[in-house]
PDB file of N, CA and C in Angstrom:
ATOM      1  N   MET A   1       0.785  -1.318  -0.004  1.00  0.00           N
ATOM      2  CA  MET A   1      -0.066   0.088   0.023  1.00  0.00           C
ATOM      3  C   MET A   1       0.973   1.289   0.098  1.00  0.00           C
ATOM      4  N   ILE A   2       2.107   1.282   0.715  1.00  0.00           N
ATOM      5  CA  ILE A   2       2.776   2.464   0.673  1.00  0.00           C
ATOM      6  C   ILE A   2       3.582   2.606  -0.643  1.00  0.00           C
ATOM      7  N   LEU A   3       3.705   1.545  -1.454  1.00  0.00           N
ATOM      8  CA  LEU A   3       4.227   1.793  -2.592  1.00  0.00           C
ATOM      9  C   LEU A   3       3.385   2.597  -3.609  1.00  0.00           C
ATOM     10  N   LEU A   4       2.070   2.210  -3.541  1.00  0.00           N
ATOM     11  CA  LEU A   4       0.953   2.812  -4.132  1.00  0.00           C
ATOM     12  C   LEU A   4       0.840   4.195  -3.863  1.00  0.00           C
ATOM     13  N   ASP A   5       0.956   4.728  -2.671  1.00  0.00           N
ATOM     14  CA  ASP A   5       0.877   5.841  -2.035  1.00  0.00           C
ATOM     15  C   ASP A   5       1.897   6.673  -2.488  1.00  0.00           C
ATOM     16  N   LEU A   6       3.114   6.169  -2.524  1.00  0.00           N
ATOM     17  CA  LEU A   6       4.298   6.975  -3.027  1.00  0.00           C
ATOM     18  C   LEU A   6       4.230   7.178  -4.666  1.00  0.00           C
ATOM     19  N   GLY A   7       3.765   6.052  -5.190  1.00  0.00           N
ATOM     20  CA  GLY A   7       3.559   6.217  -6.720  1.00  0.00           C
ATOM     21  C   GLY A   7       2.505   7.379  -7.132  1.00  0.00           C
ATOM     22  N   ASP A   8       1.283   7.569  -6.141  1.00  0.00           N
ATOM     23  CA  ASP A   8       0.560   8.500  -6.459  1.00  0.00           C
ATOM     24  C   ASP A   8       1.068   9.825  -6.055  1.00  0.00           C
ATOM     25  N   PHE A   9       1.890  10.103  -5.244  1.00  0.00           N
ATOM     26  CA  PHE A   9       2.459  11.436  -4.875  1.00  0.00           C
ATOM     27  C   PHE A   9       3.270  11.683  -6.199  1.00  0.00           C
ATOM     28  N   TYR A  10       4.274  10.921  -6.602  1.00  0.00           N
ATOM     29  CA  TYR A  10       5.075  11.171  -7.579  1.00  0.00           C
ATOM     30  C   TYR A  10       4.295  11.335  -8.985  1.00  0.00           C
ATOM     31  N   ARG A  11       3.245  10.752  -9.076  1.00  0.00           N
ATOM     32  CA  ARG A  11       2.410  10.931 -10.181  1.00  0.00           C
ATOM     33  C   ARG A  11       1.584  12.271 -10.218  1.00  0.00           C
ATOM     34  N   THR A  12       1.155  12.566  -9.029  1.00  0.00           N
ATOM     35  CA  THR A  12       0.133  13.657  -9.054  1.00  0.00           C
ATOM     36  C   THR A  12       0.908  14.819  -8.749  1.00  0.00           C
ATOM     37  N   TYR A  13       1.811  15.020  -7.599  1.00  0.00           N
ATOM     38  CA  TYR A  13       2.506  16.130  -7.236  1.00  0.00           C
ATOM     39  C   TYR A  13       3.890  16.501  -7.964  1.00  0.00           C
ATOM     40  N   ARG A  14       4.452  15.645  -8.075  1.00  0.00           N
ATOM     41  CA  ARG A  14       5.843  15.685  -8.863  1.00  0.00           C
ATOM     42  C   ARG A  14       5.790  15.504 -10.380  1.00  0.00           C
ATOM     43  N   LYS A  15       4.938  15.036 -10.912  1.00  0.00           N
ATOM     44  CA  LYS A  15       4.623  14.544 -12.335  1.00  0.00           C
ATOM     45  C   LYS A  15       5.903  13.980 -12.888  1.00  0.00           C
ATOM     46  N   ASN A  16       6.345  12.968 -11.963  1.00  0.00           N
ATOM     47  CA  ASN A  16       7.472  12.052 -12.363  1.00  0.00           C
ATOM     48  C   ASN A  16       6.748  10.866 -12.671  1.00  0.00           C
ATOM     49  N   PHE A  17       6.272  10.675 -13.968  1.00  0.00           N
ATOM     50  CA  PHE A  17       5.656   9.457 -14.342  1.00  0.00           C
ATOM     51  C   PHE A  17       6.315   8.284 -14.306  1.00  0.00           C
ATOM     52  N   SER A  18       7.658   8.391 -14.847  1.00  0.00           N
ATOM     53  CA  SER A  18       8.478   7.260 -14.824  1.00  0.00           C
ATOM     54  C   SER A  18       8.920   6.375 -13.449  1.00  0.00           C
ATOM     55  N   LEU A  19       8.851   7.345 -12.414  1.00  0.00           N
ATOM     56  CA  LEU A  19       9.080   6.840 -11.109  1.00  0.00           C
ATOM     57  C   LEU A  19       7.887   6.314 -10.430  1.00  0.00           C
ATOM     58  N   ALA A  20       6.779   7.048 -10.901  1.00  0.00           N
ATOM     59  CA  ALA A  20       5.439   6.559 -10.348  1.00  0.00           C
ATOM     60  C   ALA A  20       5.273   5.122 -10.971  1.00  0.00           C
ATOM     61  N   TYR A  21       5.542   4.931 -12.213  1.00  0.00           N
ATOM     62  CA  TYR A  21       5.522   3.615 -13.099  1.00  0.00           C
ATOM     63  C   TYR A  21       6.262   2.587 -12.165  1.00  0.00           C
ATOM     64  N   ASP A  22       7.571   2.871 -11.893  1.00  0.00           N
ATOM     65  CA  ASP A  22       8.298   1.830 -11.188  1.00  0.00           C
ATOM     66  C   ASP A  22       7.645   1.431  -9.857  1.00  0.00           C
ATOM     67  N   LEU A  23       7.195   2.647  -9.229  1.00  0.00           N
ATOM     68  CA  LEU A  23       6.727   2.197  -7.921  1.00  0.00           C
ATOM     69  C   LEU A  23       5.336   1.169  -7.966  1.00  0.00           C
ATOM     70  N   TYR A  24       4.449   1.610  -8.940  1.00  0.00           N
ATOM     71  CA  TYR A  24       3.413   0.903  -9.146  1.00  0.00           C
ATOM     72  C   TYR A  24       3.662  -0.516  -9.558  1.00  0.00           C
ATOM     73  N   ARG A  25       4.677  -0.556 -10.575  1.00  0.00           N
ATOM     74  CA  ARG A  25       5.262  -1.937 -10.928  1.00  0.00           C
ATOM     75  C   ARG A  25       5.802  -2.853  -9.708  1.00  0.00           C
ATOM     76  N   ARG A  26       6.406  -2.083  -8.818  1.00  0.00           N
ATOM     77  CA  ARG A  26       6.825  -2.868  -7.558  1.00  0.00           C
ATOM     78  C   ARG A  26       5.652  -3.366  -6.828  1.00  0.00           C
ATOM     79  N   ALA A  27       4.821  -2.400  -6.704  1.00  0.00           N
ATOM     80  CA  ALA A  27       3.328  -2.833  -5.835  1.00  0.00           C
ATOM     81  C   ALA A  27       2.664  -3.951  -6.454  1.00  0.00           C
ATOM     82  N   GLN A  28       2.528  -3.973  -7.737  1.00  0.00           N
ATOM     83  CA  GLN A  28       2.005  -5.126  -8.318  1.00  0.00           C
ATOM     84  C   GLN A  28       2.726  -6.540  -8.242  1.00  0.00           C
ATOM     85  N   GLU A  29       3.965  -6.542  -8.290  1.00  0.00           N
ATOM     86  CA  GLU A  29       4.818  -7.531  -8.077  1.00  0.00           C
ATOM     87  C   GLU A  29       4.652  -7.995  -6.382  1.00  0.00           C
ATOM     88  N   GLN A  30       4.500  -7.183  -5.746  1.00  0.00           N
ATOM     89  CA  GLN A  30       4.476  -7.572  -4.243  1.00  0.00           C
ATOM     90  C   GLN A  30       2.966  -8.353  -3.990  1.00  0.00           C
ATOM     91  N   ASN A  31       1.857  -7.515  -4.528  1.00  0.00           N
ATOM     92  CA  ASN A  31       0.765  -8.153  -4.406  1.00  0.00           C
ATOM     93  C   ASN A  31      -0.058  -8.289  -5.737  1.00  0.00           C
ATOM     94  N   SER A  32       0.137  -9.476  -6.563  1.00  0.00           N
ATOM     95  CA  SER A  32      -0.421  -9.435  -7.660  1.00  0.00           C
ATOM     96  C   SER A  32      -2.034  -9.551  -7.668  1.00  0.00           C
ATOM     97  N   ARG A  33      -2.657  -9.568  -6.619  1.00  0.00           N
ATOM     98  CA  ARG A  33      -4.078  -9.663  -6.651  1.00  0.00           C
ATOM     99  C   ARG A  33      -4.697  -8.509  -6.191  1.00  0.00           C
ATOM    100  N   ASP A  34      -3.972  -7.361  -6.291  1.00  0.00           N
ATOM    101  CA  ASP A  34      -4.512  -5.940  -5.968  1.00  0.00           C
ATOM    102  C   ASP A  34      -5.021  -5.278  -7.104  1.00  0.00           C
ATOM    103  N   GLU A  35      -6.148  -5.008  -7.273  1.00  0.00           N
ATOM    104  CA  GLU A  35      -6.741  -4.294  -8.494  1.00  0.00           C
ATOM    105  C   GLU A  35      -6.103  -2.976  -8.582  1.00  0.00           C
ATOM    106  N   THR A  36      -5.868  -2.083  -7.542  1.00  0.00           N
ATOM    107  CA  THR A  36      -5.435  -0.934  -7.534  1.00  0.00           C
ATOM    108  C   THR A  36      -4.231  -0.658  -8.360  1.00  0.00           C
ATOM    109  N   ALA A  37      -3.339  -1.676  -8.191  1.00  0.00           N
ATOM    110  CA  ALA A  37      -1.913  -1.636  -8.666  1.00  0.00           C
ATOM    111  C   ALA A  37      -2.153  -1.644 -10.244  1.00  0.00           C
ATOM    112  N   TYR A  38      -3.002  -2.453 -10.666  1.00  0.00           N
ATOM    113  CA  TYR A  38      -3.333  -2.683 -12.349  1.00  0.00           C
ATOM    114  C   TYR A  38      -3.863  -1.569 -12.809  1.00  0.00           C
ATOM    115  N   ARG A  39      -4.910  -0.921 -12.060  1.00  0.00           N
ATOM    116  CA  ARG A  39      -5.609   0.370 -12.572  1.00  0.00           C
ATOM    117  C   ARG A  39      -4.446   1.486 -12.634  1.00  0.00           C
ATOM    118  N   ARG A  40      -3.584   1.408 -11.671  1.00  0.00           N
ATOM    119  CA  ARG A  40      -2.647   2.714 -11.665  1.00  0.00           C
ATOM    120  C   ARG A  40      -1.646   2.491 -12.742  1.00  0.00           C
ATOM    121  N   LEU A  41      -1.375   1.137 -13.036  1.00  0.00           N
ATOM    122  CA  LEU A  41      -0.265   0.747 -14.015  1.00  0.00           C
ATOM    123  C   LEU A  41      -0.958   1.126 -15.533  1.00  0.00           C
ATOM    124  N   ASN A  42      -2.327   0.849 -15.610  1.00  0.00           N
ATOM    125  CA  ASN A  42      -2.914   1.209 -16.654  1.00  0.00           C
ATOM    126  C   ASN A  42      -2.980   2.830 -17.052  1.00  0.00           C
ATOM    127  N   ASP A  43      -3.380   3.438 -15.971  1.00  0.00           N
ATOM    128  CA  ASP A  43      -3.446   4.940 -16.110  1.00  0.00           C
ATOM    129  C   ASP A  43      -1.923   5.558 -16.450  1.00  0.00           C
ATOM    130  N   ILE A  44      -1.047   5.111 -15.883  1.00  0.00           N
ATOM    131  CA  ILE A  44       0.355   5.788 -16.006  1.00  0.00           C
ATOM    132  C   ILE A  44       0.870   5.482 -17.358  1.00  0.00           C
ATOM    133  N   CYS A  45       0.532   4.270 -17.910  1.00  0.00           N
ATOM    134  CA  CYS A  45       1.201   3.765 -18.948  1.00  0.00           C
ATOM    135  C   CYS A  45       0.371   4.736 -20.322  1.00  0.00           C
ATOM    136  N   ARG A  46      -1.001   4.997 -19.898  1.00  0.00           N
ATOM    137  CA  ARG A  46      -1.708   5.864 -20.856  1.00  0.00           C
ATOM    138  C   ARG A  46      -0.910   7.270 -20.945  1.00  0.00           C
ATOM    139  N   ARG A  47      -0.613   7.731 -19.764  1.00  0.00           N
ATOM    140  CA  ARG A  47      -0.135   9.110 -19.566  1.00  0.00           C
ATOM    141  C   ARG A  47       1.363   9.206 -20.297  1.00  0.00           C
ATOM    142  N   LEU A  48       2.006   8.011 -20.154  1.00  0.00           N
ATOM    143  CA  LEU A  48       3.322   7.883 -20.798  1.00  0.00           C
ATOM    144  C   LEU A  48       3.408   7.583 -22.259  1.00  0.00           C
ATOM    145  N   GLY A  49       1.956   7.527 -22.885  1.00  0.00           N
ATOM    146  CA  GLY A  49       1.887   7.176 -24.247  1.00  0.00           C
ATOM    147  C   GLY A  49       2.063   5.682 -24.657  1.00  0.00           C
ATOM    148  N   ARG A  50       1.888   4.905 -23.729  1.00  0.00           N
ATOM    149  CA  ARG A  50       2.095   3.508 -23.964  1.00  0.00           C
ATOM    150  C   ARG A  50       0.719   2.851 -23.914  1.00  0.00           C
ATOM    151  N   ALA A  51      -0.023   3.000 -24.951  1.00  0.00           N
ATOM    152  CA  ALA A  51      -1.560   2.461 -24.967  1.00  0.00           C
ATOM    153  C   ALA A  51      -1.506   1.018 -25.086  1.00  0.00           C
ATOM    154  N   ASP A  52      -0.661   0.418 -25.848  1.00  0.00           N
ATOM    155  CA  ASP A  52      -0.572  -1.112 -25.785  1.00  0.00           C
ATOM    156  C   ASP A  52      -0.216  -1.764 -24.612  1.00  0.00           C
ATOM    157  N   GLU A  53       0.788  -1.222 -23.751  1.00  0.00           N
ATOM    158  CA  GLU A  53       1.006  -1.764 -22.381  1.00  0.00           C
ATOM    159  C   GLU A  53      -0.206  -1.459 -21.442  1.00  0.00           C
ATOM    160  N   ALA A  54      -0.770  -0.302 -21.611  1.00  0.00           N
ATOM    161  CA  ALA A  54      -1.947  -0.047 -20.702  1.00  0.00           C
ATOM    162  C   ALA A  54      -3.031  -1.142 -21.093  1.00  0.00           C
ATOM    163  N   GLY A  55      -3.256  -1.674 -22.275  1.00  0.00           N
ATOM    164  CA  GLY A  55      -4.108  -2.672 -22.546  1.00  0.00           C
ATOM    165  C   GLY A  55      -3.903  -3.963 -22.018  1.00  0.00           C
ATOM    166  N   GLU A  56      -2.305  -4.132 -22.073  1.00  0.00           N
ATOM    167  CA  GLU A  56      -1.996  -5.393 -21.550  1.00  0.00           C
ATOM    168  C   GLU A  56      -2.097  -5.500 -19.962  1.00  0.00           C
ATOM    169  N   TRP A  57      -2.069  -4.447 -19.237  1.00  0.00           N
ATOM    170  CA  TRP A  57      -2.373  -4.444 -17.873  1.00  0.00           C
ATOM    171  C   TRP A  57      -3.823  -4.856 -17.617  1.00  0.00           C
ATOM    172  N   SER A  58      -4.575  -4.215 -18.391  1.00  0.00           N
ATOM    173  CA  SER A  58      -6.110  -4.416 -18.184  1.00  0.00           C
ATOM    174  C   SER A  58      -6.340  -6.011 -18.465  1.00  0.00           C
ATOM    175  N   ALA A  59      -5.847  -6.384 -19.369  1.00  0.00           N
ATOM    176  CA  ALA A  59      -6.099  -7.968 -19.834  1.00  0.00           C
ATOM    177  C   ALA A  59      -5.386  -8.543 -18.679  1.00  0.00           C
ATOM    178  N   HIS A  60      -4.360  -8.312 -18.241  1.00  0.00           N
ATOM    179  CA  HIS A  60      -3.676  -9.143 -17.146  1.00  0.00           C
ATOM    180  C   HIS A  60      -4.349  -9.094 -15.843  1.00  0.00           C
ATOM    181  N   TRP A  61      -5.082  -8.080 -15.515  1.00  0.00           N
ATOM    182  CA  TRP A  61      -6.009  -7.818 -14.396  1.00  0.00           C
ATOM    183  C   TRP A  61      -7.243  -8.809 -14.682  1.00  0.00           C
ATOM    184  N   ALA A  62      -7.789  -8.644 -15.787  1.00  0.00           N
ATOM    185  CA  ALA A  62      -8.935  -9.595 -16.149  1.00  0.00           C
ATOM    186  C   ALA A  62      -8.561 -11.011 -15.886  1.00  0.00           C
ATOM    187  N   GLN A  63      -7.472 -11.456 -16.202  1.00  0.00           N
ATOM    188  CA  GLN A  63      -6.998 -12.877 -16.147  1.00  0.00           C
ATOM    189  C   GLN A  63      -6.887 -13.194 -14.434  1.00  0.00           C
ATOM    190  N   VAL A  64      -6.206 -12.236 -13.812  1.00  0.00           N
ATOM    191  CA  VAL A  64      -6.040 -12.533 -12.438  1.00  0.00           C
ATOM    192  C   VAL A  64      -7.205 -12.533 -11.770  1.00  0.00           C
ATOM    193  N   LYS A  65      -8.251 -11.618 -12.047  1.00  0.00           N
ATOM    194  CA  LYS A  65      -9.461 -11.508 -11.289  1.00  0.00           C
ATOM    195  C   LYS A  65     -10.243 -12.942 -11.653  1.00  0.00           C
ATOM    196  N   THR A  66     -10.059 -13.565 -12.807  1.00  0.00           N
ATOM    197  CA  THR A  66     -11.024 -14.846 -12.845  1.00  0.00           C
ATOM    198  C   THR A  66     -10.300 -15.771 -12.097  1.00  0.00           C
ATOM    199  N   THR A  67      -9.199 -15.858 -11.644  1.00  0.00           N
ATOM    200  CA  THR A  67      -8.392 -16.863 -11.018  1.00  0.00           C
ATOM    201  C   THR A  67      -8.192 -16.444  -9.437  1.00  0.00           C
ATOM    202  N   LYS A  68      -8.898 -15.328  -9.183  1.00  0.00           N
ATOM    203  CA  LYS A  68      -8.715 -14.991  -7.834  1.00  0.00           C
ATOM    204  C   LYS A  68      -9.340 -15.807  -6.752  1.00  0.00           C
ATOM    205  N   GLY A  69     -10.391 -16.270  -7.073  1.00  0.00           N
ATOM    206  CA  GLY A  69     -11.234 -17.236  -6.211  1.00  0.00           C
ATOM    207  C   GLY A  69     -10.550 -18.397  -5.545  1.00  0.00           C
ATOM    208  N   ARG A  70      -9.706 -19.146  -6.319  1.00  0.00           N
ATOM    209  CA  ARG A  70      -9.327 -20.306  -6.246  1.00  0.00           C
ATOM    210  C   ARG A  70      -7.798 -20.550  -6.051  1.00  0.00           C
ATOM    211  N   VAL A  71      -7.456 -21.421  -5.267  1.00  0.00           N
ATOM    212  CA  VAL A  71      -5.966 -21.586  -5.104  1.00  0.00           C
ATOM    213  C   VAL A  71      -5.245 -22.330  -6.204  1.00  0.00           C
ATOM    214  N   ASP A  72      -6.071 -23.133  -6.921  1.00  0.00           N
ATOM    215  CA  ASP A  72      -5.302 -23.924  -8.094  1.00  0.00           C
ATOM    216  C   ASP A  72      -5.405 -23.025  -9.380  1.00  0.00           C
ATOM    217  N   GLY A  73      -5.811 -21.560  -9.266  1.00  0.00           N
ATOM    218  CA  GLY A  73      -5.824 -20.926 -10.494  1.00  0.00           C
ATOM    219  C   GLY A  73      -6.835 -21.313 -11.615  1.00  0.00           C
ATOM    220  N   ARG A  74      -7.845 -21.820 -11.325  1.00  0.00           N
ATOM    221  CA  ARG A  74      -8.801 -22.377 -12.276  1.00  0.00           C
ATOM    222  C   ARG A  74     -10.065 -21.462 -12.334  1.00  0.00           C
ATOM    223  N   GLY A  75      -9.987 -20.319 -11.597  1.00  0.00           N
ATOM    224  CA  GLY A  75     -11.316 -19.508 -11.698  1.00  0.00           C
ATOM    225  C   GLY A  75     -12.089 -19.859 -10.688  1.00  0.00           C
ATOM    226  N   HIS A  76     -13.412 -19.168 -10.643  1.00  0.00           N
ATOM    227  CA  HIS A  76     -14.191 -19.310  -9.622  1.00  0.00           C
ATOM    228  C   HIS A  76     -14.964 -20.765  -9.768  1.00  0.00           C
ATOM    229  N   ASP A  77     -15.379 -21.347  -8.739  1.00  0.00           N
ATOM    230  CA  ASP A  77     -16.221 -22.608  -8.858  1.00  0.00           C
ATOM    231  C   ASP A  77     -17.525 -22.263  -8.110  1.00  0.00           C
ATOM    232  N   SER A  78     -18.613 -21.802  -8.750  1.00  0.00           N
ATOM    233  CA  SER A  78     -19.774 -21.417  -8.214  1.00  0.00           C
ATOM    234  C   SER A  78     -20.595 -22.629  -7.800  1.00  0.00           C
ATOM    235  N   ASP A  79     -20.476 -23.535  -8.509  1.00  0.00           N
ATOM    236  CA  ASP A  79     -21.413 -24.704  -8.142  1.00  0.00           C
ATOM    237  C   ASP A  79     -20.864 -25.936  -7.152  1.00  0.00           C
ATOM    238  N   ASN A  80     -19.794 -25.506  -6.872  1.00  0.00           N
ATOM    239  CA  ASN A  80     -19.030 -26.448  -5.670  1.00  0.00           C
ATOM    240  C   ASN A  80     -18.636 -27.824  -6.058  1.00  0.00           C
ATOM    241  N   SER A  81     -18.532 -27.864  -7.448  1.00  0.00           N
ATOM    242  CA  SER A  81     -18.109 -29.372  -8.132  1.00  0.00           C
ATOM    243  C   SER A  81     -16.906 -29.634  -7.557  1.00  0.00           C
ATOM    244  N   CYS A  82     -15.964 -28.682  -7.376  1.00  0.00           N
ATOM    245  CA  CYS A  82     -14.481 -28.972  -6.952  1.00  0.00           C
ATOM    246  C   CYS A  82     -14.655 -29.676  -5.397  1.00  0.00           C
ATOM    247  N   LYS A  83     -15.423 -29.139  -4.733  1.00  0.00           N
ATOM    248  CA  LYS A  83     -15.374 -29.852  -3.366  1.00  0.00           C
ATOM    249  C   LYS A  83     -15.971 -31.299  -3.599  1.00  0.00           C
ATOM    250  N   ILE A  84     -16.949 -31.467  -4.362  1.00  0.00           N
ATOM    251  CA  ILE A  84     -17.512 -32.725  -4.716  1.00  0.00           C
ATOM    252  C   ILE A  84     -16.436 -33.663  -5.056  1.00  0.00           C
ATOM    253  N   VAL A  85     -15.610 -33.127  -6.231  1.00  0.00           N
ATOM    254  CA  VAL A  85     -14.705 -33.999  -6.741  1.00  0.00           C
ATOM    255  C   VAL A  85     -13.673 -34.436  -5.700  1.00  0.00           C
ATOM    256  N   VAL A  86     -13.218 -33.500  -4.833  1.00  0.00           N
ATOM    257  CA  VAL A  86     -12.165 -33.780  -3.787  1.00  0.00           C
ATOM    258  C   VAL A  86     -12.901 -34.774  -2.928  1.00  0.00           C
ATOM    259  N   ALA A  87     -14.042 -34.681  -2.610  1.00  0.00           N
ATOM    260  CA  ALA A  87     -14.687 -35.738  -1.713  1.00  0.00           C
ATOM    261  C   ALA A  87     -14.800 -37.009  -2.256  1.00  0.00           C
ATOM    262  N   LEU A  88     -14.964 -37.094  -3.656  1.00  0.00           N
ATOM    263  CA  LEU A  88     -15.200 -38.316  -4.415  1.00  0.00           C
ATOM    264  C   LEU A  88     -13.869 -38.936  -4.609  1.00  0.00           C
ATOM    265  N   ARG A  89     -12.851 -38.161  -4.847  1.00  0.00           N
ATOM    266  CA  ARG A  89     -11.440 -38.500  -4.866  1.00  0.00           C
ATOM    267  C   ARG A  89     -10.863 -39.463  -3.616  1.00  0.00           C
ATOM    268  N   ARG A  90     -11.277 -38.993  -2.567  1.00  0.00           N
ATOM    269  CA  ARG A  90     -11.141 -39.861  -1.366  1.00  0.00           C
ATOM    270  C   ARG A  90     -11.554 -41.155  -1.408  1.00  0.00           C
ATOM    271  N   ILE A  91     -12.744 -41.306  -1.996  1.00  0.00           N
ATOM    272  CA  ILE A  91     -13.367 -42.630  -2.039  1.00  0.00           C
ATOM    273  C   ILE A  91     -12.799 -43.473  -3.410  1.00  0.00           C
ATOM    274  N   TYR A  92     -12.924 -42.683  -4.539  1.00  0.00           N
ATOM    275  CA  TYR A  92     -12.409 -43.159  -5.861  1.00  0.00           C
ATOM    276  C   TYR A  92     -11.366 -42.240  -6.264  1.00  0.00           C
ATOM    277  N   PRO A  93     -10.147 -42.669  -6.172  1.00  0.00           N
ATOM    278  CA  PRO A  93      -8.955 -41.717  -6.585  1.00  0.00           C
ATOM    279  C   PRO A  93      -8.850 -41.505  -7.920  1.00  0.00           C
ATOM    280  N   TYR A  94      -9.561 -41.894  -8.984  1.00  0.00           N
ATOM    281  CA  TYR A  94      -9.566 -41.924 -10.495  1.00  0.00           C
ATOM    282  C   TYR A  94     -10.646 -40.907 -10.923  1.00  0.00           C
ATOM    283  N   VAL A  95     -11.373 -40.114 -10.076  1.00  0.00           N
ATOM    284  CA  VAL A  95     -12.372 -39.058 -10.401  1.00  0.00           C
ATOM    285  C   VAL A  95     -11.469 -38.044 -10.984  1.00  0.00           C
ATOM    286  N   LEU A  96     -11.873 -37.562 -12.163  1.00  0.00           N
ATOM    287  CA  LEU A  96     -11.289 -36.405 -12.903  1.00  0.00           C
ATOM    288  C   LEU A  96     -12.135 -35.158 -12.650  1.00  0.00           C
ATOM    289  N   ARG A  97     -13.447 -35.264 -13.128  1.00  0.00           N
ATOM    290  CA  ARG A  97     -14.329 -33.947 -13.057  1.00  0.00           C
ATOM    291  C   ARG A  97     -15.687 -34.351 -13.074  1.00  0.00           C
ATOM    292  N   ILE A  98     -16.627 -33.418 -12.885  1.00  0.00           N
ATOM    293  CA  ILE A  98     -17.988 -33.730 -12.980  1.00  0.00           C
ATOM    294  C   ILE A  98     -18.642 -32.806 -14.083  1.00  0.00           C
ATOM    295  N   GLU A  99     -19.264 -33.565 -14.990  1.00  0.00           N
ATOM    296  CA  GLU A  99     -19.908 -32.726 -16.073  1.00  0.00           C
ATOM    297  C   GLU A  99     -21.581 -33.102 -15.792  1.00  0.00           C
ATOM    298  N   GLY A 100     -22.288 -31.955 -15.248  1.00  0.00           N
ATOM    299  CA  GLY A 100     -23.672 -32.146 -15.223  1.00  0.00           C
ATOM    300  C   GLY A 100     -23.801 -33.239 -13.976  1.00  0.00           C
ATOM    301  N   LEU A 101     -24.578 -34.199 -14.177  1.00  0.00           N
ATOM    302  CA  LEU A 101     -24.664 -35.207 -13.288  1.00  0.00           C
ATOM    303  C   LEU A 101     -23.875 -36.456 -13.515  1.00  0.00           C
ATOM    304  N   LEU A 102     -23.012 -36.295 -14.588  1.00  0.00           N
ATOM    305  CA  LEU A 102     -22.074 -37.407 -14.735  1.00  0.00           C
ATOM    306  C   LEU A 102     -20.614 -37.053 -14.008  1.00  0.00           C
ATOM    307  N   VAL A 103     -20.184 -38.149 -13.596  1.00  0.00           N
ATOM    308  CA  VAL A 103     -18.860 -38.132 -12.883  1.00  0.00           C
ATOM    309  C   VAL A 103     -17.829 -38.743 -13.980  1.00  0.00           C
ATOM    310  N   VAL A 104     -16.782 -38.067 -14.292  1.00  0.00           N
ATOM    311  CA  VAL A 104     -15.837 -38.523 -15.095  1.00  0.00           C
ATOM    312  C   VAL A 104     -14.666 -39.372 -14.342  1.00  0.00           C
ATOM    313  N   VAL A 105     -14.565 -40.509 -14.704  1.00  0.00           N
ATOM    314  CA  VAL A 105     -13.390 -41.282 -13.969  1.00  0.00           C
ATOM    315  C   VAL A 105     -12.567 -41.772 -15.098  1.00  0.00           C
ATOM    316  N   GLY A 106     -11.279 -41.401 -15.137  1.00  0.00           N
ATOM    317  CA  GLY A 106     -10.678 -41.621 -16.310  1.00  0.00           C
ATOM    318  C   GLY A 106     -11.260 -41.142 -17.694  1.00  0.00           C
ATOM    319  N   ARG A 107     -11.454 -42.007 -18.538  1.00  0.00           N
ATOM    320  CA  ARG A 107     -12.194 -41.808 -19.765  1.00  0.00           C
ATOM    321  C   ARG A 107     -13.542 -42.334 -19.890  1.00  0.00           C
ATOM    322  N   GLN A 108     -13.997 -42.863 -18.696  1.00  0.00           N
ATOM    323  CA  GLN A 108     -15.226 -43.425 -18.613  1.00  0.00           C
ATOM    324  C   GLN A 108     -16.304 -42.594 -17.813  1.00  0.00           C
ATOM    325  N   TYR A 109     -17.663 -42.769 -18.085  1.00  0.00           N
ATOM    326  CA  TYR A 109     -18.657 -42.110 -17.133  1.00  0.00           C
ATOM    327  C   TYR A 109     -19.333 -43.001 -16.302  1.00  0.00           C
ATOM    328  N   VAL A 110     -19.430 -42.548 -15.158  1.00  0.00           N
ATOM    329  CA  VAL A 110     -20.123 -43.383 -14.246  1.00  0.00           C
ATOM    330  C   VAL A 110     -21.612 -42.994 -14.033  1.00  0.00           C
TER     331      VAL A 110
END
């Protein structure tokens, strides 16, 4: 959070956009799930005339946002099928995934 505040100071009051960019980049590296860092990087890249890089930061945040909810990086799991698969794997170690009401075991449906 301190790096973002320092970046804001250099961006707003000192108009030192390159130093602000460096500080925002370090803040993003320290906490890759912080939306504020991505928004600031997007803004500072636009101010520096790097529209392509600004778009890349937006796209990168969209990717991080979808993987934010789960530890394994596969996005949100709203129907709790992951918990069911984990529970089934304790009983049947070859359970791969659930498709609707079908449980996929290896390449066969149960």
